[in-house]
PDB file of N, CA and C in Angstrom:
ATOM      1  N   MET A   1      -2.578   4.812   3.794  1.00  0.00           N
ATOM      2  CA  MET A   1      -1.419   4.799   2.809  1.00  0.00           C
ATOM      3  C   MET A   1      -0.164   4.345   3.131  1.00  0.00           C
ATOM      4  N   VAL A   2       0.477   3.621   1.969  1.00  0.00           N
ATOM      5  CA  VAL A   2       1.632   2.907   2.315  1.00  0.00           C
ATOM      6  C   VAL A   2       2.591   3.298   1.258  1.00  0.00           C
ATOM      7  N   LEU A   3       3.977   3.025   1.317  1.00  0.00           N
ATOM      8  CA  LEU A   3       5.041   2.829   0.583  1.00  0.00           C
ATOM      9  C   LEU A   3       5.144   1.578  -0.184  1.00  0.00           C
ATOM     10  N   MET A   4       4.859   1.410  -1.429  1.00  0.00           N
ATOM     11  CA  MET A   4       4.780  -0.140  -1.929  1.00  0.00           C
ATOM     12  C   MET A   4       6.192  -0.203  -2.533  1.00  0.00           C
ATOM     13  N   MET A   5       7.187  -1.274  -2.147  1.00  0.00           N
ATOM     14  CA  MET A   5       8.472  -1.362  -2.730  1.00  0.00           C
ATOM     15  C   MET A   5       8.543  -2.245  -3.938  1.00  0.00           C
ATOM     16  N   ASN A   6       9.142  -1.749  -4.923  1.00  0.00           N
ATOM     17  CA  ASN A   6       9.217  -2.505  -6.197  1.00  0.00           C
ATOM     18  C   ASN A   6      10.817  -2.779  -6.137  1.00  0.00           C
ATOM     19  N   LYS A   7      11.018  -3.913  -6.522  1.00  0.00           N
ATOM     20  CA  LYS A   7      12.476  -4.555  -6.654  1.00  0.00           C
ATOM     21  C   LYS A   7      12.349  -4.757  -8.014  1.00  0.00           C
ATOM     22  N   SER A   8      13.861  -4.420  -8.532  1.00  0.00           N
ATOM     23  CA  SER A   8      14.239  -4.849  -9.657  1.00  0.00           C
ATOM     24  C   SER A   8      15.694  -5.345  -9.532  1.00  0.00           C
ATOM     25  N   LYS A   9      16.148  -5.922 -10.690  1.00  0.00           N
ATOM     26  CA  LYS A   9      17.750  -6.111 -10.752  1.00  0.00           C
ATOM     27  C   LYS A   9      18.694  -5.196 -10.366  1.00  0.00           C
ATOM     28  N   VAL A  10      18.101  -3.920 -10.856  1.00  0.00           N
ATOM     29  CA  VAL A  10      19.021  -2.734 -11.086  1.00  0.00           C
ATOM     30  C   VAL A  10      18.758  -1.764  -9.665  1.00  0.00           C
ATOM     31  N   SER A  11      17.694  -1.499  -9.627  1.00  0.00           N
ATOM     32  CA  SER A  11      17.351  -0.762  -8.073  1.00  0.00           C
ATOM     33  C   SER A  11      15.841  -1.109  -7.532  1.00  0.00           C
ATOM     34  N   THR A  12      15.624  -0.408  -6.232  1.00  0.00           N
ATOM     35  CA  THR A  12      14.671  -0.518  -5.529  1.00  0.00           C
ATOM     36  C   THR A  12      14.009   0.890  -5.642  1.00  0.00           C
ATOM     37  N   THR A  13      12.667   0.795  -6.046  1.00  0.00           N
ATOM     38  CA  THR A  13      11.723   1.936  -6.004  1.00  0.00           C
ATOM     39  C   THR A  13      10.492   1.870  -5.055  1.00  0.00           C
ATOM     40  N   TYR A  14       9.737   2.834  -4.604  1.00  0.00           N
ATOM     41  CA  TYR A  14       8.869   2.980  -4.024  1.00  0.00           C
ATOM     42  C   TYR A  14       7.967   3.629  -4.423  1.00  0.00           C
ATOM     43  N   ARG A  15       6.490   3.056  -4.617  1.00  0.00           N
ATOM     44  CA  ARG A  15       5.247   3.770  -5.101  1.00  0.00           C
ATOM     45  C   ARG A  15       4.372   3.972  -3.811  1.00  0.00           C
ATOM     46  N   LEU A  16       3.801   5.307  -3.886  1.00  0.00           N
ATOM     47  CA  LEU A  16       2.523   5.561  -3.041  1.00  0.00           C
ATOM     48  C   LEU A  16       1.311   4.467  -3.466  1.00  0.00           C
ATOM     49  N   ALA A  17       0.663   3.881  -2.467  1.00  0.00           N
ATOM     50  CA  ALA A  17      -0.313   3.074  -2.626  1.00  0.00           C
ATOM     51  C   ALA A  17      -1.549   3.274  -1.459  1.00  0.00           C
ATOM     52  N   LEU A  18      -2.803   2.983  -1.948  1.00  0.00           N
ATOM     53  CA  LEU A  18      -3.703   2.841  -0.864  1.00  0.00           C
ATOM     54  C   LEU A  18      -4.108   1.292  -0.876  1.00  0.00           C
ATOM     55  N   VAL A  19      -4.163   1.111   0.631  1.00  0.00           N
ATOM     56  CA  VAL A  19      -4.523  -0.369   1.264  1.00  0.00           C
ATOM     57  C   VAL A  19      -6.018  -0.697   0.910  1.00  0.00           C
ATOM     58  N   LYS A  20      -6.561  -1.593  -0.117  1.00  0.00           N
ATOM     59  CA  LYS A  20      -7.984  -1.866  -0.337  1.00  0.00           C
ATOM     60  C   LYS A  20      -8.454  -2.791   0.514  1.00  0.00           C
ATOM     61  N   THR A  21      -7.368  -3.588   0.601  1.00  0.00           N
ATOM     62  CA  THR A  21      -8.058  -4.992   1.507  1.00  0.00           C
ATOM     63  C   THR A  21      -6.784  -5.529   2.578  1.00  0.00           C
ATOM     64  N   ALA A  22      -7.086  -5.765   3.609  1.00  0.00           N
ATOM     65  CA  ALA A  22      -5.871  -6.525   4.700  1.00  0.00           C
ATOM     66  C   ALA A  22      -6.612  -7.448   5.384  1.00  0.00           C
ATOM     67  N   ASP A  23      -6.767  -8.713   4.737  1.00  0.00           N
ATOM     68  CA  ASP A  23      -7.639  -9.954   5.255  1.00  0.00           C
ATOM     69  C   ASP A  23      -6.799 -10.653   6.103  1.00  0.00           C
ATOM     70  N   PRO A  24      -6.993 -11.099   7.552  1.00  0.00           N
ATOM     71  CA  PRO A  24      -6.257 -11.606   8.177  1.00  0.00           C
ATOM     72  C   PRO A  24      -6.341 -13.124   7.535  1.00  0.00           C
ATOM     73  N   ASP A  25      -5.469 -14.037   8.082  1.00  0.00           N
ATOM     74  CA  ASP A  25      -5.245 -15.664   7.672  1.00  0.00           C
ATOM     75  C   ASP A  25      -6.367 -16.266   8.656  1.00  0.00           C
ATOM     76  N   LYS A  26      -6.039 -17.641   8.734  1.00  0.00           N
ATOM     77  CA  LYS A  26      -6.652 -18.601   9.600  1.00  0.00           C
ATOM     78  C   LYS A  26      -6.243 -18.102  11.115  1.00  0.00           C
ATOM     79  N   ASP A  27      -5.054 -17.708  11.094  1.00  0.00           N
ATOM     80  CA  ASP A  27      -4.675 -17.658  12.764  1.00  0.00           C
ATOM     81  C   ASP A  27      -4.847 -16.158  13.024  1.00  0.00           C
ATOM     82  N   GLY A  28      -5.372 -15.256  12.204  1.00  0.00           N
ATOM     83  CA  GLY A  28      -5.654 -13.902  12.484  1.00  0.00           C
ATOM     84  C   GLY A  28      -4.929 -12.780  12.150  1.00  0.00           C
ATOM     85  N   LEU A  29      -3.593 -13.416  11.554  1.00  0.00           N
ATOM     86  CA  LEU A  29      -2.544 -12.255  11.291  1.00  0.00           C
ATOM     87  C   LEU A  29      -2.693 -11.883   9.980  1.00  0.00           C
ATOM     88  N   VAL A  30      -2.322 -10.791   9.449  1.00  0.00           N
ATOM     89  CA  VAL A  30      -2.394 -10.181   8.233  1.00  0.00           C
ATOM     90  C   VAL A  30      -1.171 -10.336   7.598  1.00  0.00           C
ATOM     91  N   ARG A  31      -0.842 -10.954   6.444  1.00  0.00           N
ATOM     92  CA  ARG A  31       0.268 -11.174   5.822  1.00  0.00           C
ATOM     93  C   ARG A  31       0.420 -10.852   4.426  1.00  0.00           C
ATOM     94  N   LYS A  32      -0.801 -10.533   3.781  1.00  0.00           N
ATOM     95  CA  LYS A  32      -0.832 -10.070   2.510  1.00  0.00           C
ATOM     96  C   LYS A  32      -1.676  -8.926   2.600  1.00  0.00           C
ATOM     97  N   LEU A  33      -1.514  -7.628   1.635  1.00  0.00           N
ATOM     98  CA  LEU A  33      -2.423  -6.550   1.178  1.00  0.00           C
ATOM     99  C   LEU A  33      -2.814  -6.529  -0.196  1.00  0.00           C
ATOM    100  N   VAL A  34      -4.173  -5.829  -0.442  1.00  0.00           N
ATOM    101  CA  VAL A  34      -4.433  -5.706  -1.762  1.00  0.00           C
ATOM    102  C   VAL A  34      -4.163  -4.194  -1.928  1.00  0.00           C
ATOM    103  N   LEU A  35      -3.230  -3.499  -2.847  1.00  0.00           N
ATOM    104  CA  LEU A  35      -2.916  -2.169  -3.106  1.00  0.00           C
ATOM    105  C   LEU A  35      -3.522  -1.742  -4.269  1.00  0.00           C
ATOM    106  N   GLN A  36      -3.550  -0.421  -4.300  1.00  0.00           N
ATOM    107  CA  GLN A  36      -4.013   0.205  -5.243  1.00  0.00           C
ATOM    108  C   GLN A  36      -3.192   1.321  -5.730  1.00  0.00           C
ATOM    109  N   TYR A  37      -2.634   1.666  -6.875  1.00  0.00           N
ATOM    110  CA  TYR A  37      -1.397   2.730  -6.928  1.00  0.00           C
ATOM    111  C   TYR A  37      -1.933   3.243  -8.177  1.00  0.00           C
ATOM    112  N   LYS A  38      -1.428   4.721  -8.351  1.00  0.00           N
ATOM    113  CA  LYS A  38      -1.326   5.132  -9.922  1.00  0.00           C
ATOM    114  C   LYS A  38      -0.620   4.828 -10.973  1.00  0.00           C
ATOM    115  N   ASN A  39      -1.195   3.902 -11.975  1.00  0.00           N
ATOM    116  CA  ASN A  39      -0.040   3.569 -12.885  1.00  0.00           C
ATOM    117  C   ASN A  39       0.485   4.623 -13.971  1.00  0.00           C
ATOM    118  N   VAL A  40       1.687   5.096 -13.374  1.00  0.00           N
ATOM    119  CA  VAL A  40       2.368   5.932 -14.078  1.00  0.00           C
ATOM    120  C   VAL A  40       3.817   5.401 -14.456  1.00  0.00           C
ATOM    121  N   ASP A  41       4.218   5.363 -15.387  1.00  0.00           N
ATOM    122  CA  ASP A  41       5.677   5.067 -15.869  1.00  0.00           C
ATOM    123  C   ASP A  41       6.669   5.869 -16.273  1.00  0.00           C
ATOM    124  N   ALA A  42       7.779   6.228 -15.456  1.00  0.00           N
ATOM    125  CA  ALA A  42       8.544   7.156 -16.235  1.00  0.00           C
ATOM    126  C   ALA A  42       8.854   7.122 -17.611  1.00  0.00           C
ATOM    127  N   GLY A  43       8.662   8.124 -18.587  1.00  0.00           N
ATOM    128  CA  GLY A  43       9.096   8.221 -19.761  1.00  0.00           C
ATOM    129  C   GLY A  43       7.958   8.267 -20.547  1.00  0.00           C
ATOM    130  N   ARG A  44       6.620   7.597 -19.981  1.00  0.00           N
ATOM    131  CA  ARG A  44       5.498   7.733 -20.804  1.00  0.00           C
ATOM    132  C   ARG A  44       4.868   9.123 -20.966  1.00  0.00           C
ATOM    133  N   LYS A  45       4.450   9.144 -22.002  1.00  0.00           N
ATOM    134  CA  LYS A  45       3.817  10.511 -22.281  1.00  0.00           C
ATOM    135  C   LYS A  45       2.318  10.468 -21.555  1.00  0.00           C
ATOM    136  N   TYR A  46       1.676  11.802 -21.065  1.00  0.00           N
ATOM    137  CA  TYR A  46       0.591  11.815 -20.195  1.00  0.00           C
ATOM    138  C   TYR A  46      -0.464  11.673 -21.229  1.00  0.00           C
ATOM    139  N   LYS A  47      -1.411  10.922 -20.875  1.00  0.00           N
ATOM    140  CA  LYS A  47      -2.775  10.891 -21.776  1.00  0.00           C
ATOM    141  C   LYS A  47      -4.091  11.653 -21.218  1.00  0.00           C
ATOM    142  N   LYS A  48      -4.593  11.986 -22.142  1.00  0.00           N
ATOM    143  CA  LYS A  48      -5.750  13.048 -21.755  1.00  0.00           C
ATOM    144  C   LYS A  48      -6.778  12.258 -20.897  1.00  0.00           C
ATOM    145  N   GLY A  49      -7.214  12.491 -19.746  1.00  0.00           N
ATOM    146  CA  GLY A  49      -8.128  11.889 -18.681  1.00  0.00           C
ATOM    147  C   GLY A  49      -7.252  11.351 -17.793  1.00  0.00           C
ATOM    148  N   GLY A  50      -5.857  11.288 -17.901  1.00  0.00           N
ATOM    149  CA  GLY A  50      -5.298  11.016 -16.611  1.00  0.00           C
ATOM    150  C   GLY A  50      -4.810   9.258 -16.784  1.00  0.00           C
ATOM    151  N   TYR A  51      -4.273   9.083 -15.803  1.00  0.00           N
ATOM    152  CA  TYR A  51      -3.326   7.527 -15.957  1.00  0.00           C
ATOM    153  C   TYR A  51      -4.605   6.743 -15.072  1.00  0.00           C
ATOM    154  N   GLY A  52      -4.635   5.439 -15.138  1.00  0.00           N
ATOM    155  CA  GLY A  52      -5.518   4.662 -14.661  1.00  0.00           C
ATOM    156  C   GLY A  52      -4.887   4.199 -13.430  1.00  0.00           C
ATOM    157  N   PHE A  53      -5.854   3.446 -12.394  1.00  0.00           N
ATOM    158  CA  PHE A  53      -5.171   2.976 -11.199  1.00  0.00           C
ATOM    159  C   PHE A  53      -4.974   1.374 -11.504  1.00  0.00           C
ATOM    160  N   SER A  54      -4.087   0.748 -10.810  1.00  0.00           N
ATOM    161  CA  SER A  54      -3.820  -0.591 -10.827  1.00  0.00           C
ATOM    162  C   SER A  54      -4.056  -1.357  -9.683  1.00  0.00           C
ATOM    163  N   GLU A  55      -4.048  -2.342  -9.545  1.00  0.00           N
ATOM    164  CA  GLU A  55      -4.287  -3.144  -8.151  1.00  0.00           C
ATOM    165  C   GLU A  55      -3.377  -4.366  -8.113  1.00  0.00           C
ATOM    166  N   THR A  56      -2.462  -4.654  -6.896  1.00  0.00           N
ATOM    167  CA  THR A  56      -1.777  -5.633  -6.932  1.00  0.00           C
ATOM    168  C   THR A  56      -1.799  -6.358  -5.480  1.00  0.00           C
ATOM    169  N   GLU A  57      -1.447  -7.665  -5.349  1.00  0.00           N
ATOM    170  CA  GLU A  57      -1.042  -8.154  -3.979  1.00  0.00           C
ATOM    171  C   GLU A  57       0.231  -7.835  -3.579  1.00  0.00           C
ATOM    172  N   ARG A  58       0.453  -7.584  -2.318  1.00  0.00           N
ATOM    173  CA  ARG A  58       1.885  -7.443  -1.754  1.00  0.00           C
ATOM    174  C   ARG A  58       1.942  -8.053  -0.337  1.00  0.00           C
ATOM    175  N   ALA A  59       2.953  -8.801   0.020  1.00  0.00           N
ATOM    176  CA  ALA A  59       3.360  -9.300   1.416  1.00  0.00           C
ATOM    177  C   ALA A  59       3.541  -7.874   2.106  1.00  0.00           C
ATOM    178  N   ILE A  60       3.154  -8.228   3.587  1.00  0.00           N
ATOM    179  CA  ILE A  60       3.384  -6.882   4.553  1.00  0.00           C
ATOM    180  C   ILE A  60       4.660  -6.590   4.665  1.00  0.00           C
ATOM    181  N   HIS A  61       5.841  -7.497   4.037  1.00  0.00           N
ATOM    182  CA  HIS A  61       7.086  -7.157   4.386  1.00  0.00           C
ATOM    183  C   HIS A  61       7.716  -6.221   3.414  1.00  0.00           C
ATOM    184  N   ASN A  62       6.802  -5.955   2.313  1.00  0.00           N
ATOM    185  CA  ASN A  62       7.052  -5.060   1.338  1.00  0.00           C
ATOM    186  C   ASN A  62       6.407  -3.845   1.070  1.00  0.00           C
ATOM    187  N   VAL A  63       5.987  -3.440   2.326  1.00  0.00           N
ATOM    188  CA  VAL A  63       5.236  -1.938   2.341  1.00  0.00           C
ATOM    189  C   VAL A  63       5.781  -1.472   3.554  1.00  0.00           C
ATOM    190  N   VAL A  64       5.575   0.099   3.687  1.00  0.00           N
ATOM    191  CA  VAL A  64       6.189   0.803   4.471  1.00  0.00           C
ATOM    192  C   VAL A  64       4.593   1.673   5.050  1.00  0.00           C
ATOM    193  N   VAL A  65       4.042   1.608   6.241  1.00  0.00           N
ATOM    194  CA  VAL A  65       3.014   2.361   6.647  1.00  0.00           C
ATOM    195  C   VAL A  65       3.270   3.812   6.916  1.00  0.00           C
ATOM    196  N   ILE A  66       2.373   4.719   6.127  1.00  0.00           N
ATOM    197  CA  ILE A  66       2.668   6.128   6.503  1.00  0.00           C
ATOM    198  C   ILE A  66       1.375   6.562   7.465  1.00  0.00           C
ATOM    199  N   LYS A  67       1.739   7.088   8.438  1.00  0.00           N
ATOM    200  CA  LYS A  67       0.887   7.612   9.308  1.00  0.00           C
ATOM    201  C   LYS A  67       0.905   9.299   9.509  1.00  0.00           C
ATOM    202  N   PRO A  68      -0.234   9.872   9.803  1.00  0.00           N
ATOM    203  CA  PRO A  68      -0.125  11.459   9.885  1.00  0.00           C
ATOM    204  C   PRO A  68       0.860  11.566  11.178  1.00  0.00           C
ATOM    205  N   VAL A  69       1.694  12.606  11.395  1.00  0.00           N
ATOM    206  CA  VAL A  69       2.397  13.044  12.591  1.00  0.00           C
ATOM    207  C   VAL A  69       1.909  13.189  13.534  1.00  0.00           C
ATOM    208  N   ASP A  70       0.425  13.806  13.413  1.00  0.00           N
ATOM    209  CA  ASP A  70      -0.283  14.180  14.802  1.00  0.00           C
ATOM    210  C   ASP A  70      -1.080  12.869  15.255  1.00  0.00           C
ATOM    211  N   TRP A  71      -0.714  11.647  14.760  1.00  0.00           N
ATOM    212  CA  TRP A  71      -1.730  10.831  15.262  1.00  0.00           C
ATOM    213  C   TRP A  71      -0.914  10.008  16.561  1.00  0.00           C
ATOM    214  N   SER A  72      -1.758   9.541  17.406  1.00  0.00           N
ATOM    215  CA  SER A  72      -1.160   8.802  18.699  1.00  0.00           C
ATOM    216  C   SER A  72      -1.149   7.160  18.426  1.00  0.00           C
ATOM    217  N   GLN A  73      -0.522   6.417  19.232  1.00  0.00           N
ATOM    218  CA  GLN A  73      -0.538   4.942  18.892  1.00  0.00           C
ATOM    219  C   GLN A  73      -1.936   4.569  19.156  1.00  0.00           C
ATOM    220  N   GLU A  74      -2.889   5.145  19.997  1.00  0.00           N
ATOM    221  CA  GLU A  74      -4.207   4.707  19.923  1.00  0.00           C
ATOM    222  C   GLU A  74      -5.034   4.973  18.972  1.00  0.00           C
ATOM    223  N   ASP A  75      -4.597   6.215  17.972  1.00  0.00           N
ATOM    224  CA  ASP A  75      -5.245   6.704  16.883  1.00  0.00           C
ATOM    225  C   ASP A  75      -5.024   5.397  15.712  1.00  0.00           C
ATOM    226  N   VAL A  76      -3.881   5.075  15.901  1.00  0.00           N
ATOM    227  CA  VAL A  76      -3.462   3.998  14.812  1.00  0.00           C
ATOM    228  C   VAL A  76      -4.120   2.665  15.089  1.00  0.00           C
ATOM    229  N   GLU A  77      -4.272   2.222  16.365  1.00  0.00           N
ATOM    230  CA  GLU A  77      -4.742   0.998  16.627  1.00  0.00           C
ATOM    231  C   GLU A  77      -6.439   1.152  16.233  1.00  0.00           C
ATOM    232  N   ALA A  78      -7.005   2.327  16.647  1.00  0.00           N
ATOM    233  CA  ALA A  78      -8.316   2.569  16.275  1.00  0.00           C
ATOM    234  C   ALA A  78      -8.597   2.492  14.700  1.00  0.00           C
ATOM    235  N   ALA A  79      -7.657   3.065  13.896  1.00  0.00           N
ATOM    236  CA  ALA A  79      -7.966   2.822  12.463  1.00  0.00           C
ATOM    237  C   ALA A  79      -7.632   1.497  11.933  1.00  0.00           C
ATOM    238  N   VAL A  80      -6.535   0.822  12.394  1.00  0.00           N
ATOM    239  CA  VAL A  80      -6.324  -0.480  12.171  1.00  0.00           C
ATOM    240  C   VAL A  80      -7.562  -1.526  12.676  1.00  0.00           C
ATOM    241  N   GLY A  81      -7.902  -1.241  13.996  1.00  0.00           N
ATOM    242  CA  GLY A  81      -8.859  -2.424  14.333  1.00  0.00           C
ATOM    243  C   GLY A  81      -8.423  -3.439  14.529  1.00  0.00           C
ATOM    244  N   GLN A  82      -9.279  -4.632  15.030  1.00  0.00           N
ATOM    245  CA  GLN A  82      -9.113  -5.840  15.318  1.00  0.00           C
ATOM    246  C   GLN A  82      -9.074  -6.861  13.976  1.00  0.00           C
ATOM    247  N   THR A  83      -9.557  -6.399  13.074  1.00  0.00           N
ATOM    248  CA  THR A  83      -9.513  -7.195  11.912  1.00  0.00           C
ATOM    249  C   THR A  83      -8.595  -6.965  11.040  1.00  0.00           C
ATOM    250  N   GLY A  84      -7.762  -6.031  11.193  1.00  0.00           N
ATOM    251  CA  GLY A  84      -6.684  -5.522  10.269  1.00  0.00           C
ATOM    252  C   GLY A  84      -7.128  -4.705   9.225  1.00  0.00           C
ATOM    253  N   GLU A  85      -8.388  -4.247   8.927  1.00  0.00           N
ATOM    254  CA  GLU A  85      -8.729  -3.298   8.126  1.00  0.00           C
ATOM    255  C   GLU A  85      -8.360  -2.064   8.370  1.00  0.00           C
ATOM    256  N   ILE A  86      -7.969  -1.343   7.137  1.00  0.00           N
ATOM    257  CA  ILE A  86      -7.832   0.104   7.580  1.00  0.00           C
ATOM    258  C   ILE A  86      -8.819   1.121   6.812  1.00  0.00           C
TER     259      ILE A  86
END
């Protein structure tokens, strides 16, 4: 889970998102993520059956990783692994 930054000319907001893929580049470093988030906009009426999910690609600089409070550094490294997959 991450917080995904949405910038506009007026303000910056964050949405809760799930990391779908985190593929490393040729040099082995992850620079982009594919994120899935609930597509709900303020002011829109709720539709029966709920809102759909959207996917977007973001640079790692525009997300904040959320980790459980009780996880140690070893738990985080085990969850991320060598390939960058979460």
